[in-house]
Amino acid sequence: MSRNQALAAWLLVLGAATRPVTAGTITLQATQSDAKPFVGAVVTLQGAAHPHVAPVNAILDQINLAFAPDLIVIPVGSTVEFPNSDSVSHQIYSFSPTKRFQLPLYHGQPYPPVHFDQAGIVTLGCNIHDQMVGYVFVTDAAYFGRTDAAGAWTVTNLPLGSYHLSLWHPLMREATASLERDVTVADDEPVTLKLQLAHPLRRPPLPATVRRDQY
């Protein structure tokens, strides 16, 4: 190989190495059955490439006889701390197969964080206040989040390839499978998906009240 040919080959390799990698964007627009924005829905996106998502240390408080927030989304392997900033004591529990646990009656200083090592949905309750309901959505998806005030969720810098998107909310009436979509990112052109519920959301639980014999 001549010196000129070697130089040309080197420039070709250098150009390939410095050329920006094409990455895609997926935007979901979710609406309720009445076409209003579907706010706070959990969105997960799975792909063939499965980047590792580091566990987090989350906090789910108890304020005004309610979980605050009432739903959190965390990656598998994360821990959740359950402080009680309320004026009364609570006894938090879960009978969900994904994670069964119970925290004895307490107020103020929380117990050690609870470790969530399996993917799934964990429903939380309080043995003292039956109307208190909360959720921990544990996911092994590489990309996840919740729809915003406009019912939208966007993920950027996606490697090219095929993905499976799923939508969930505790007040949905439809089967989860009806709100799943397969989508392909073929280039850097943004992809927009639209999902609309077929049925109205269920009504949320009524606020809990304090009994006279409350601790």
N, C-alpha and C. Protein backbone atom coordinates (compact mmCIF):
# COMPACT_ATOMS: atom_id res chain seq x y z
N MET A 1 0.85 -1.20 0.00
CA MET A 1 0.00 0.00 0.00
C MET A 1 0.88 1.24 0.00
N SER A 2 0.55 2.17 -0.91
CA SER A 2 1.33 3.39 -0.98
C SER A 2 1.01 4.30 0.19
N ARG A 3 1.88 5.32 0.34
CA ARG A 3 1.66 6.28 1.43
C ARG A 3 0.33 7.00 1.26
N ASN A 4 -0.05 7.36 0.03
CA ASN A 4 -1.31 8.05 -0.21
C ASN A 4 -2.51 7.17 0.10
N GLN A 5 -2.39 5.87 -0.26
CA GLN A 5 -3.48 4.95 0.03
C GLN A 5 -3.64 4.74 1.54
N ALA A 6 -2.51 4.65 2.23
CA ALA A 6 -2.56 4.49 3.69
C ALA A 6 -3.19 5.72 4.34
N LEU A 7 -2.84 6.91 3.83
CA LEU A 7 -3.41 8.15 4.38
C LEU A 7 -4.91 8.20 4.15
N ALA A 8 -5.33 7.78 2.94
CA ALA A 8 -6.76 7.79 2.62
C ALA A 8 -7.52 6.82 3.52
N ALA A 9 -6.95 5.65 3.77
CA ALA A 9 -7.59 4.66 4.64
C ALA A 9 -7.70 5.18 6.07
N TRP A 10 -6.63 5.86 6.52
CA TRP A 10 -6.63 6.40 7.88
C TRP A 10 -7.69 7.48 8.03
N LEU A 11 -7.84 8.33 7.02
CA LEU A 11 -8.85 9.39 7.06
C LEU A 11 -10.25 8.80 7.05
N LEU A 12 -10.44 7.67 6.32
CA LEU A 12 -11.74 7.01 6.28
C LEU A 12 -12.10 6.47 7.66
N VAL A 13 -11.15 5.85 8.34
CA VAL A 13 -11.39 5.32 9.69
C VAL A 13 -11.66 6.46 10.66
N LEU A 14 -10.88 7.53 10.56
CA LEU A 14 -11.06 8.68 11.44
C LEU A 14 -12.44 9.28 11.25
N GLY A 15 -12.88 9.37 9.99
CA GLY A 15 -14.20 9.94 9.71
C GLY A 15 -15.30 9.09 10.30
N ALA A 16 -15.17 7.76 10.21
CA ALA A 16 -16.18 6.87 10.78
C ALA A 16 -16.22 6.98 12.29
N ALA A 17 -15.05 7.15 12.90
CA ALA A 17 -14.99 7.22 14.37
C ALA A 17 -15.58 8.52 14.90
N THR A 18 -15.44 9.60 14.12
CA THR A 18 -15.91 10.90 14.61
C THR A 18 -17.31 11.23 14.13
N ARG A 19 -17.88 10.41 13.22
CA ARG A 19 -19.22 10.68 12.73
C ARG A 19 -20.22 10.45 13.85
N PRO A 20 -21.16 11.36 14.08
CA PRO A 20 -22.12 11.19 15.18
C PRO A 20 -22.98 9.95 14.98
N VAL A 21 -23.22 9.23 16.06
CA VAL A 21 -24.07 8.04 16.00
C VAL A 21 -25.52 8.47 15.94
N THR A 22 -26.26 7.93 14.98
CA THR A 22 -27.66 8.28 14.85
C THR A 22 -28.43 7.76 16.05
N ALA A 23 -29.22 8.64 16.66
CA ALA A 23 -30.03 8.26 17.81
C ALA A 23 -31.44 8.80 17.60
N GLY A 24 -32.41 8.09 18.14
CA GLY A 24 -33.80 8.45 17.91
C GLY A 24 -34.50 9.00 19.13
N THR A 25 -35.72 9.46 18.89
CA THR A 25 -36.58 10.02 19.93
C THR A 25 -37.97 9.42 19.79
N ILE A 26 -38.53 9.01 20.91
CA ILE A 26 -39.91 8.53 20.92
C ILE A 26 -40.71 9.42 21.87
N THR A 27 -41.85 9.89 21.39
CA THR A 27 -42.76 10.68 22.21
C THR A 27 -44.11 9.99 22.25
N LEU A 28 -44.64 9.83 23.45
CA LEU A 28 -45.98 9.26 23.63
C LEU A 28 -46.93 10.38 24.02
N GLN A 29 -48.09 10.40 23.38
CA GLN A 29 -49.15 11.32 23.75
C GLN A 29 -50.34 10.48 24.20
N ALA A 30 -50.63 10.52 25.50
CA ALA A 30 -51.69 9.69 26.06
C ALA A 30 -52.89 10.54 26.45
N THR A 31 -54.07 10.06 26.11
CA THR A 31 -55.30 10.77 26.46
C THR A 31 -56.30 9.81 27.10
N GLN A 32 -57.19 10.38 27.90
CA GLN A 32 -58.26 9.60 28.50
C GLN A 32 -59.37 9.39 27.47
N SER A 33 -60.39 8.67 27.88
CA SER A 33 -61.48 8.35 26.94
C SER A 33 -62.21 9.60 26.48
N ASP A 34 -62.17 10.67 27.28
CA ASP A 34 -62.82 11.92 26.90
C ASP A 34 -61.87 12.88 26.19
N ALA A 35 -60.70 12.38 25.79
CA ALA A 35 -59.68 13.13 25.05
C ALA A 35 -58.89 14.11 25.93
N LYS A 36 -59.13 14.11 27.24
CA LYS A 36 -58.32 14.94 28.13
C LYS A 36 -56.96 14.28 28.33
N PRO A 37 -55.92 15.06 28.65
CA PRO A 37 -54.59 14.46 28.85
C PRO A 37 -54.62 13.39 29.95
N PHE A 38 -53.93 12.30 29.70
CA PHE A 38 -53.81 11.22 30.69
C PHE A 38 -52.55 11.53 31.50
N VAL A 39 -52.75 12.14 32.64
CA VAL A 39 -51.64 12.64 33.47
C VAL A 39 -51.18 11.57 34.46
N GLY A 40 -49.88 11.42 34.61
CA GLY A 40 -49.33 10.56 35.65
C GLY A 40 -49.31 9.08 35.33
N ALA A 41 -49.56 8.70 34.09
CA ALA A 41 -49.50 7.28 33.71
C ALA A 41 -48.06 6.82 33.67
N VAL A 42 -47.82 5.58 34.06
CA VAL A 42 -46.48 5.00 34.03
C VAL A 42 -46.18 4.48 32.63
N VAL A 43 -45.03 4.87 32.09
CA VAL A 43 -44.62 4.43 30.76
C VAL A 43 -43.30 3.66 30.89
N THR A 44 -43.24 2.48 30.29
CA THR A 44 -41.99 1.72 30.24
C THR A 44 -41.66 1.42 28.79
N LEU A 45 -40.37 1.40 28.49
CA LEU A 45 -39.90 1.15 27.13
C LEU A 45 -38.77 0.13 27.18
N GLN A 46 -39.02 -1.03 26.58
CA GLN A 46 -38.03 -2.11 26.54
C GLN A 46 -37.47 -2.24 25.13
N GLY A 47 -36.18 -2.51 25.03
CA GLY A 47 -35.55 -2.70 23.73
C GLY A 47 -34.59 -3.86 23.76
N ALA A 48 -34.10 -4.25 22.58
CA ALA A 48 -33.12 -5.34 22.50
C ALA A 48 -31.85 -4.98 23.25
N ALA A 49 -31.41 -3.73 23.06
CA ALA A 49 -30.27 -3.23 23.85
C ALA A 49 -30.82 -2.88 25.22
N HIS A 50 -30.19 -3.39 26.24
CA HIS A 50 -30.75 -3.24 27.59
C HIS A 50 -29.72 -2.56 28.50
N PRO A 51 -29.56 -1.24 28.40
CA PRO A 51 -28.60 -0.54 29.27
C PRO A 51 -28.94 -0.76 30.74
N HIS A 52 -27.91 -0.88 31.54
CA HIS A 52 -28.12 -1.07 32.97
C HIS A 52 -28.62 0.22 33.60
N VAL A 53 -29.66 0.11 34.39
CA VAL A 53 -30.19 1.26 35.11
C VAL A 53 -29.84 1.09 36.58
N ALA A 54 -29.11 2.01 37.12
CA ALA A 54 -28.65 1.90 38.50
C ALA A 54 -29.82 2.03 39.48
N PRO A 55 -29.82 1.24 40.54
CA PRO A 55 -30.87 1.37 41.57
C PRO A 55 -30.82 2.76 42.21
N VAL A 56 -31.95 3.15 42.79
CA VAL A 56 -32.04 4.44 43.45
C VAL A 56 -32.50 4.24 44.88
N ASN A 57 -32.36 5.28 45.67
CA ASN A 57 -32.89 5.31 47.03
C ASN A 57 -34.04 6.31 47.05
N ALA A 58 -35.26 5.81 47.02
CA ALA A 58 -36.44 6.66 46.92
C ALA A 58 -37.09 6.88 48.28
N ILE A 59 -37.94 7.89 48.35
CA ILE A 59 -38.67 8.22 49.57
C ILE A 59 -40.15 8.30 49.24
N LEU A 60 -40.98 7.62 50.03
CA LEU A 60 -42.43 7.70 49.91
C LEU A 60 -42.98 8.03 51.29
N ASP A 61 -43.39 9.28 51.45
CA ASP A 61 -43.80 9.80 52.77
C ASP A 61 -45.28 9.54 53.02
N GLN A 62 -45.72 9.91 54.22
CA GLN A 62 -47.12 9.83 54.60
C GLN A 62 -47.52 11.17 55.20
N ILE A 63 -48.42 11.86 54.52
CA ILE A 63 -48.83 13.21 54.90
C ILE A 63 -50.33 13.34 54.73
N ASN A 64 -50.99 13.92 55.73
CA ASN A 64 -52.45 14.15 55.67
C ASN A 64 -53.22 12.86 55.36
N LEU A 65 -52.84 11.78 56.02
CA LEU A 65 -53.50 10.49 55.88
C LEU A 65 -53.49 9.98 54.44
N ALA A 66 -52.35 10.20 53.77
CA ALA A 66 -52.19 9.74 52.39
C ALA A 66 -50.72 9.51 52.11
N PHE A 67 -50.45 8.62 51.15
CA PHE A 67 -49.07 8.44 50.71
C PHE A 67 -48.68 9.62 49.82
N ALA A 68 -47.47 10.10 50.00
CA ALA A 68 -47.01 11.27 49.25
C ALA A 68 -45.62 11.01 48.69
N PRO A 69 -45.52 10.78 47.36
CA PRO A 69 -46.63 10.67 46.40
C PRO A 69 -47.33 9.32 46.52
N ASP A 70 -48.45 9.20 45.84
CA ASP A 70 -49.21 7.93 45.94
C ASP A 70 -48.68 6.87 44.99
N LEU A 71 -47.74 7.25 44.08
CA LEU A 71 -47.17 6.30 43.14
C LEU A 71 -45.76 6.72 42.78
N ILE A 72 -44.83 5.78 42.88
CA ILE A 72 -43.46 6.04 42.45
C ILE A 72 -43.02 4.92 41.52
N VAL A 73 -42.09 5.24 40.62
CA VAL A 73 -41.54 4.26 39.68
C VAL A 73 -40.04 4.15 39.96
N ILE A 74 -39.56 2.91 40.18
CA ILE A 74 -38.16 2.71 40.52
C ILE A 74 -37.60 1.52 39.76
N PRO A 75 -36.31 1.51 39.47
CA PRO A 75 -35.70 0.33 38.83
C PRO A 75 -35.50 -0.80 39.83
N VAL A 76 -35.44 -2.02 39.31
CA VAL A 76 -35.21 -3.19 40.16
C VAL A 76 -33.92 -3.01 40.96
N GLY A 77 -33.96 -3.43 42.21
CA GLY A 77 -32.79 -3.32 43.08
C GLY A 77 -32.79 -2.07 43.93
N SER A 78 -33.78 -1.21 43.74
CA SER A 78 -33.83 0.05 44.50
C SER A 78 -34.38 -0.17 45.90
N THR A 79 -34.20 0.82 46.74
CA THR A 79 -34.76 0.81 48.09
C THR A 79 -35.71 1.99 48.24
N VAL A 80 -36.67 1.83 49.13
CA VAL A 80 -37.63 2.91 49.40
C VAL A 80 -37.71 3.11 50.90
N GLU A 81 -37.59 4.36 51.31
CA GLU A 81 -37.74 4.74 52.71
C GLU A 81 -39.15 5.27 52.91
N PHE A 82 -39.80 4.87 54.01
CA PHE A 82 -41.18 5.26 54.28
C PHE A 82 -41.26 6.10 55.55
N PRO A 83 -40.85 7.36 55.50
CA PRO A 83 -40.99 8.21 56.67
C PRO A 83 -42.47 8.49 56.95
N ASN A 84 -42.78 8.88 58.15
CA ASN A 84 -44.15 9.26 58.50
C ASN A 84 -44.13 10.70 59.02
N SER A 85 -44.45 11.63 58.14
CA SER A 85 -44.49 13.04 58.52
C SER A 85 -45.89 13.47 58.94
N ASP A 86 -46.76 12.49 59.14
CA ASP A 86 -48.14 12.77 59.52
C ASP A 86 -48.24 13.09 61.01
N SER A 87 -49.42 13.52 61.42
CA SER A 87 -49.65 13.84 62.83
C SER A 87 -50.08 12.61 63.62
N VAL A 88 -50.29 11.47 62.93
CA VAL A 88 -50.72 10.24 63.58
C VAL A 88 -49.80 9.10 63.13
N SER A 89 -49.91 7.98 63.82
CA SER A 89 -49.10 6.81 63.47
C SER A 89 -49.74 6.03 62.34
N HIS A 90 -48.88 5.30 61.59
CA HIS A 90 -49.36 4.44 60.50
C HIS A 90 -48.68 3.08 60.60
N GLN A 91 -49.31 2.09 59.98
CA GLN A 91 -48.75 0.74 59.92
C GLN A 91 -48.80 0.27 58.47
N ILE A 92 -47.71 0.48 57.76
CA ILE A 92 -47.67 0.24 56.32
C ILE A 92 -47.42 -1.25 56.02
N TYR A 93 -48.09 -1.74 54.97
CA TYR A 93 -47.93 -3.14 54.60
C TYR A 93 -48.13 -3.32 53.10
N SER A 94 -47.69 -4.47 52.60
CA SER A 94 -47.95 -4.89 51.23
C SER A 94 -48.14 -6.40 51.22
N PHE A 95 -49.23 -6.84 50.57
CA PHE A 95 -49.46 -8.27 50.37
C PHE A 95 -49.17 -8.66 48.92
N SER A 96 -48.61 -7.75 48.13
CA SER A 96 -48.35 -8.01 46.72
C SER A 96 -47.26 -9.07 46.57
N PRO A 97 -47.42 -10.02 45.63
CA PRO A 97 -46.40 -11.06 45.43
C PRO A 97 -45.02 -10.49 45.11
N THR A 98 -44.97 -9.34 44.44
CA THR A 98 -43.68 -8.74 44.09
C THR A 98 -42.87 -8.41 45.33
N LYS A 99 -43.54 -7.95 46.38
CA LYS A 99 -42.85 -7.60 47.63
C LYS A 99 -43.85 -7.59 48.78
N ARG A 100 -43.71 -8.56 49.69
CA ARG A 100 -44.55 -8.61 50.88
C ARG A 100 -43.75 -8.08 52.07
N PHE A 101 -44.32 -7.15 52.80
CA PHE A 101 -43.66 -6.64 54.00
C PHE A 101 -44.67 -5.91 54.88
N GLN A 102 -44.28 -5.67 56.11
CA GLN A 102 -45.11 -4.91 57.03
C GLN A 102 -44.21 -4.14 57.98
N LEU A 103 -44.52 -2.86 58.15
CA LEU A 103 -43.79 -2.01 59.09
C LEU A 103 -44.68 -1.78 60.30
N PRO A 104 -44.29 -2.26 61.48
CA PRO A 104 -45.11 -2.06 62.68
C PRO A 104 -45.45 -0.59 62.90
N LEU A 105 -46.51 -0.37 63.63
CA LEU A 105 -47.03 0.98 63.89
C LEU A 105 -45.91 1.94 64.28
N TYR A 106 -45.84 3.07 63.59
CA TYR A 106 -44.75 4.02 63.89
C TYR A 106 -45.16 5.43 63.47
N HIS A 107 -44.36 6.35 63.96
CA HIS A 107 -44.55 7.77 63.63
C HIS A 107 -43.19 8.45 63.68
N GLY A 108 -42.94 9.38 62.76
CA GLY A 108 -41.67 10.10 62.77
C GLY A 108 -40.57 9.30 62.13
N GLN A 109 -39.57 8.94 62.90
CA GLN A 109 -38.39 8.25 62.39
C GLN A 109 -38.78 6.93 61.71
N PRO A 110 -38.40 6.73 60.44
CA PRO A 110 -38.81 5.52 59.72
C PRO A 110 -37.95 4.32 60.06
N TYR A 111 -38.44 3.16 59.64
CA TYR A 111 -37.67 1.93 59.73
C TYR A 111 -36.61 1.94 58.61
N PRO A 112 -35.67 1.01 58.62
CA PRO A 112 -34.70 0.94 57.51
C PRO A 112 -35.41 0.81 56.17
N PRO A 113 -34.80 1.29 55.09
CA PRO A 113 -35.43 1.23 53.76
C PRO A 113 -35.78 -0.21 53.37
N VAL A 114 -36.84 -0.34 52.58
CA VAL A 114 -37.28 -1.63 52.07
C VAL A 114 -36.65 -1.85 50.70
N HIS A 115 -36.11 -3.05 50.48
CA HIS A 115 -35.42 -3.38 49.22
C HIS A 115 -36.40 -4.04 48.26
N PHE A 116 -36.48 -3.53 47.03
CA PHE A 116 -37.37 -4.08 46.01
C PHE A 116 -36.52 -4.74 44.92
N ASP A 117 -36.45 -6.07 44.97
CA ASP A 117 -35.52 -6.81 44.10
C ASP A 117 -36.21 -7.55 42.96
N GLN A 118 -37.52 -7.35 42.77
CA GLN A 118 -38.23 -7.98 41.67
C GLN A 118 -39.07 -6.95 40.94
N ALA A 119 -39.21 -7.14 39.63
CA ALA A 119 -40.07 -6.25 38.85
C ALA A 119 -41.54 -6.59 39.10
N GLY A 120 -42.37 -5.58 39.16
CA GLY A 120 -43.79 -5.79 39.38
C GLY A 120 -44.42 -4.59 40.05
N ILE A 121 -45.71 -4.70 40.35
CA ILE A 121 -46.45 -3.62 40.98
C ILE A 121 -46.74 -3.98 42.42
N VAL A 122 -46.38 -3.09 43.32
CA VAL A 122 -46.57 -3.30 44.75
C VAL A 122 -47.63 -2.32 45.24
N THR A 123 -48.73 -2.88 45.77
CA THR A 123 -49.79 -2.05 46.32
C THR A 123 -49.59 -1.90 47.82
N LEU A 124 -49.60 -0.66 48.28
CA LEU A 124 -49.37 -0.35 49.69
C LEU A 124 -50.69 0.00 50.39
N GLY A 125 -50.77 -0.37 51.66
CA GLY A 125 -51.92 0.00 52.47
C GLY A 125 -51.49 0.34 53.88
N CYS A 126 -52.45 0.78 54.68
CA CYS A 126 -52.21 1.07 56.10
C CYS A 126 -53.25 0.31 56.91
N ASN A 127 -52.79 -0.45 57.89
CA ASN A 127 -53.71 -1.23 58.72
C ASN A 127 -54.61 -0.37 59.58
N ILE A 128 -54.26 0.90 59.76
CA ILE A 128 -55.06 1.79 60.60
C ILE A 128 -56.05 2.59 59.76
N HIS A 129 -55.63 2.98 58.55
CA HIS A 129 -56.47 3.81 57.68
C HIS A 129 -56.70 3.06 56.37
N ASP A 130 -57.86 2.42 56.26
CA ASP A 130 -58.13 1.54 55.12
C ASP A 130 -58.13 2.27 53.78
N GLN A 131 -58.43 3.56 53.78
CA GLN A 131 -58.52 4.29 52.52
C GLN A 131 -57.15 4.74 51.99
N MET A 132 -56.10 4.55 52.78
CA MET A 132 -54.77 4.91 52.31
C MET A 132 -54.27 3.85 51.33
N VAL A 133 -54.01 4.26 50.10
CA VAL A 133 -53.52 3.34 49.07
C VAL A 133 -52.38 4.01 48.32
N GLY A 134 -51.30 3.26 48.13
CA GLY A 134 -50.16 3.76 47.37
C GLY A 134 -49.58 2.65 46.51
N TYR A 135 -48.69 3.02 45.60
CA TYR A 135 -48.13 2.04 44.66
C TYR A 135 -46.65 2.28 44.45
N VAL A 136 -45.91 1.17 44.38
CA VAL A 136 -44.51 1.20 43.97
C VAL A 136 -44.42 0.36 42.70
N PHE A 137 -44.09 1.00 41.59
CA PHE A 137 -43.95 0.30 40.31
C PHE A 137 -42.47 0.01 40.13
N VAL A 138 -42.11 -1.27 40.21
CA VAL A 138 -40.71 -1.69 40.10
C VAL A 138 -40.49 -2.23 38.69
N THR A 139 -39.55 -1.66 37.96
CA THR A 139 -39.39 -2.04 36.56
C THR A 139 -37.96 -2.45 36.24
N ASP A 140 -37.84 -3.37 35.27
CA ASP A 140 -36.52 -3.73 34.74
C ASP A 140 -36.32 -3.13 33.35
N ALA A 141 -37.21 -2.19 32.95
CA ALA A 141 -37.07 -1.52 31.66
C ALA A 141 -35.90 -0.55 31.70
N ALA A 142 -35.28 -0.37 30.53
CA ALA A 142 -34.15 0.55 30.44
C ALA A 142 -34.61 2.01 30.47
N TYR A 143 -35.85 2.25 30.01
CA TYR A 143 -36.38 3.61 29.95
C TYR A 143 -37.78 3.60 30.57
N PHE A 144 -38.04 4.57 31.43
CA PHE A 144 -39.34 4.61 32.08
C PHE A 144 -39.60 6.02 32.62
N GLY A 145 -40.86 6.27 32.94
CA GLY A 145 -41.23 7.57 33.50
C GLY A 145 -42.74 7.67 33.60
N ARG A 146 -43.23 8.92 33.76
CA ARG A 146 -44.67 9.16 33.87
C ARG A 146 -45.07 10.31 32.95
N THR A 147 -46.26 10.24 32.44
CA THR A 147 -46.73 11.30 31.55
C THR A 147 -46.90 12.60 32.33
N ASP A 148 -46.65 13.72 31.64
CA ASP A 148 -46.69 15.02 32.30
C ASP A 148 -48.10 15.62 32.27
N ALA A 149 -48.21 16.90 32.60
CA ALA A 149 -49.51 17.56 32.69
C ALA A 149 -50.23 17.61 31.35
N ALA A 150 -49.49 17.45 30.26
CA ALA A 150 -50.10 17.44 28.93
C ALA A 150 -50.35 16.01 28.44
N GLY A 151 -50.08 15.01 29.29
CA GLY A 151 -50.25 13.62 28.90
C GLY A 151 -49.13 13.10 28.03
N ALA A 152 -47.98 13.79 28.04
CA ALA A 152 -46.88 13.41 27.15
C ALA A 152 -45.70 12.83 27.93
N TRP A 153 -44.94 11.99 27.23
CA TRP A 153 -43.68 11.43 27.77
C TRP A 153 -42.74 11.27 26.61
N THR A 154 -41.49 11.71 26.78
CA THR A 154 -40.51 11.68 25.70
C THR A 154 -39.20 11.08 26.19
N VAL A 155 -38.59 10.25 25.35
CA VAL A 155 -37.26 9.73 25.64
C VAL A 155 -36.39 10.00 24.41
N THR A 156 -35.18 10.49 24.65
CA THR A 156 -34.29 10.86 23.55
C THR A 156 -33.02 10.00 23.57
N ASN A 157 -32.21 10.19 22.54
CA ASN A 157 -30.92 9.49 22.42
C ASN A 157 -31.07 7.98 22.47
N LEU A 158 -32.11 7.48 21.84
CA LEU A 158 -32.33 6.03 21.78
C LEU A 158 -31.47 5.41 20.68
N PRO A 159 -30.81 4.30 20.96
CA PRO A 159 -30.14 3.56 19.89
C PRO A 159 -31.17 3.07 18.88
N LEU A 160 -30.77 2.97 17.63
CA LEU A 160 -31.69 2.48 16.62
C LEU A 160 -32.08 1.04 16.92
N GLY A 161 -33.33 0.71 16.61
CA GLY A 161 -33.78 -0.65 16.86
C GLY A 161 -35.26 -0.70 17.18
N SER A 162 -35.72 -1.87 17.65
CA SER A 162 -37.13 -2.09 17.96
C SER A 162 -37.36 -1.98 19.47
N TYR A 163 -38.51 -1.45 19.83
CA TYR A 163 -38.85 -1.25 21.23
C TYR A 163 -40.30 -1.65 21.49
N HIS A 164 -40.56 -1.96 22.77
CA HIS A 164 -41.92 -2.30 23.20
C HIS A 164 -42.32 -1.32 24.29
N LEU A 165 -43.39 -0.57 24.02
CA LEU A 165 -43.86 0.45 24.97
C LEU A 165 -45.12 -0.03 25.67
N SER A 166 -45.20 0.25 26.97
CA SER A 166 -46.36 -0.15 27.76
C SER A 166 -46.80 0.99 28.65
N LEU A 167 -48.12 1.10 28.84
CA LEU A 167 -48.71 2.17 29.65
C LEU A 167 -49.51 1.54 30.79
N TRP A 168 -49.40 2.13 31.99
CA TRP A 168 -50.14 1.58 33.14
C TRP A 168 -50.50 2.69 34.11
N HIS A 169 -51.65 2.50 34.76
CA HIS A 169 -52.08 3.41 35.83
C HIS A 169 -53.04 2.63 36.72
N PRO A 170 -52.99 2.83 38.05
CA PRO A 170 -53.84 2.03 38.93
C PRO A 170 -55.34 2.25 38.74
N LEU A 171 -55.73 3.35 38.12
CA LEU A 171 -57.16 3.62 37.94
C LEU A 171 -57.67 3.24 36.55
N MET A 172 -56.83 2.65 35.73
CA MET A 172 -57.26 2.22 34.39
C MET A 172 -58.25 1.07 34.50
N ARG A 173 -59.19 1.02 33.56
CA ARG A 173 -60.15 -0.07 33.49
C ARG A 173 -59.75 -1.11 32.44
N GLU A 174 -58.98 -0.70 31.43
CA GLU A 174 -58.66 -1.63 30.34
C GLU A 174 -57.49 -2.54 30.67
N ALA A 175 -57.41 -3.61 29.93
CA ALA A 175 -56.30 -4.54 30.10
C ALA A 175 -55.00 -3.88 29.65
N THR A 176 -53.92 -4.19 30.36
CA THR A 176 -52.63 -3.58 30.04
C THR A 176 -52.21 -3.87 28.60
N ALA A 177 -52.54 -5.08 28.10
CA ALA A 177 -52.13 -5.47 26.76
C ALA A 177 -52.69 -4.55 25.69
N SER A 178 -53.84 -3.94 25.96
CA SER A 178 -54.45 -3.06 24.97
C SER A 178 -53.72 -1.73 24.87
N LEU A 179 -52.84 -1.46 25.83
CA LEU A 179 -52.09 -0.21 25.83
C LEU A 179 -50.60 -0.47 25.66
N GLU A 180 -50.26 -1.46 24.88
CA GLU A 180 -48.88 -1.78 24.54
C GLU A 180 -48.68 -1.59 23.04
N ARG A 181 -47.52 -1.11 22.68
CA ARG A 181 -47.22 -0.88 21.28
C ARG A 181 -45.78 -1.27 20.97
N ASP A 182 -45.55 -1.81 19.77
CA ASP A 182 -44.20 -2.06 19.27
C ASP A 182 -43.84 -0.90 18.34
N VAL A 183 -42.65 -0.39 18.49
CA VAL A 183 -42.22 0.75 17.68
C VAL A 183 -40.77 0.56 17.27
N THR A 184 -40.46 1.02 16.07
CA THR A 184 -39.09 0.90 15.54
C THR A 184 -38.50 2.27 15.33
N VAL A 185 -37.28 2.45 15.84
CA VAL A 185 -36.53 3.67 15.61
C VAL A 185 -35.51 3.36 14.52
N ALA A 186 -35.74 3.88 13.30
CA ALA A 186 -34.90 3.54 12.16
C ALA A 186 -33.88 4.62 11.84
N ASP A 187 -34.14 5.84 12.28
CA ASP A 187 -33.21 6.94 12.03
C ASP A 187 -33.42 8.00 13.10
N ASP A 188 -32.88 9.19 12.89
CA ASP A 188 -33.00 10.22 13.90
C ASP A 188 -34.28 11.04 13.77
N GLU A 189 -35.21 10.58 12.92
CA GLU A 189 -36.50 11.25 12.79
C GLU A 189 -37.38 10.89 14.00
N PRO A 190 -37.89 11.88 14.75
CA PRO A 190 -38.70 11.58 15.94
C PRO A 190 -39.92 10.72 15.62
N VAL A 191 -40.24 9.80 16.53
CA VAL A 191 -41.41 8.95 16.39
C VAL A 191 -42.44 9.36 17.44
N THR A 192 -43.68 9.55 17.03
CA THR A 192 -44.75 9.94 17.96
C THR A 192 -45.81 8.86 17.98
N LEU A 193 -46.15 8.41 19.18
CA LEU A 193 -47.22 7.44 19.37
C LEU A 193 -48.38 8.11 20.09
N LYS A 194 -49.60 7.71 19.74
CA LYS A 194 -50.79 8.23 20.41
C LYS A 194 -51.59 7.07 20.97
N LEU A 195 -51.91 7.16 22.26
CA LEU A 195 -52.73 6.14 22.91
C LEU A 195 -53.89 6.82 23.62
N GLN A 196 -55.09 6.29 23.41
CA GLN A 196 -56.27 6.83 24.07
C GLN A 196 -57.01 5.71 24.78
N LEU A 197 -57.42 5.98 26.02
CA LEU A 197 -58.17 4.99 26.78
C LEU A 197 -59.54 4.79 26.16
N ALA A 198 -60.03 3.56 26.23
CA ALA A 198 -61.37 3.27 25.72
C ALA A 198 -62.43 3.46 26.79
N HIS A 199 -62.00 3.43 28.06
CA HIS A 199 -62.95 3.53 29.17
C HIS A 199 -62.51 4.64 30.14
N PRO A 200 -63.46 5.25 30.83
CA PRO A 200 -63.09 6.28 31.82
C PRO A 200 -62.29 5.66 32.96
N LEU A 201 -61.47 6.47 33.60
CA LEU A 201 -60.72 6.01 34.77
C LEU A 201 -61.67 5.75 35.93
N ARG A 202 -61.28 4.81 36.79
CA ARG A 202 -62.04 4.59 38.02
C ARG A 202 -61.86 5.78 38.96
N ARG A 203 -62.78 5.96 39.86
CA ARG A 203 -62.67 7.03 40.83
C ARG A 203 -61.60 6.68 41.87
N PRO A 204 -60.78 7.64 42.28
CA PRO A 204 -59.76 7.36 43.31
C PRO A 204 -60.43 7.11 44.65
N PRO A 205 -59.74 6.43 45.58
CA PRO A 205 -60.29 6.18 46.91
C PRO A 205 -60.60 7.48 47.62
N LEU A 206 -61.61 7.44 48.48
CA LEU A 206 -61.94 8.62 49.28
C LEU A 206 -60.83 8.87 50.29
N PRO A 207 -60.63 10.11 50.69
CA PRO A 207 -59.59 10.42 51.69
C PRO A 207 -59.86 9.68 53.00
N ALA A 208 -58.78 9.28 53.66
CA ALA A 208 -58.90 8.61 54.96
C ALA A 208 -59.30 9.63 56.02
N THR A 209 -59.92 9.14 57.09
CA THR A 209 -60.29 10.00 58.21
C THR A 209 -59.72 9.42 59.49
N VAL A 210 -59.53 10.27 60.49
CA VAL A 210 -58.97 9.84 61.77
C VAL A 210 -60.10 9.44 62.70
N ARG A 211 -60.02 8.22 63.27
CA ARG A 211 -61.00 7.77 64.25
C ARG A 211 -60.68 8.38 65.61
N ARG A 212 -61.68 8.38 66.47
CA ARG A 212 -61.49 8.93 67.82
C ARG A 212 -60.47 8.12 68.62
N ASP A 213 -60.39 6.82 68.30
CA ASP A 213 -59.46 5.97 69.05
C ASP A 213 -58.10 5.88 68.35
N GLN A 214 -57.86 6.80 67.39
CA GLN A 214 -56.61 6.78 66.64
C GLN A 214 -55.42 7.04 67.56
N TYR A 215 -54.31 6.30 67.28
CA TYR A 215 -53.08 6.51 68.04
C TYR A 215 -52.56 7.90 67.77
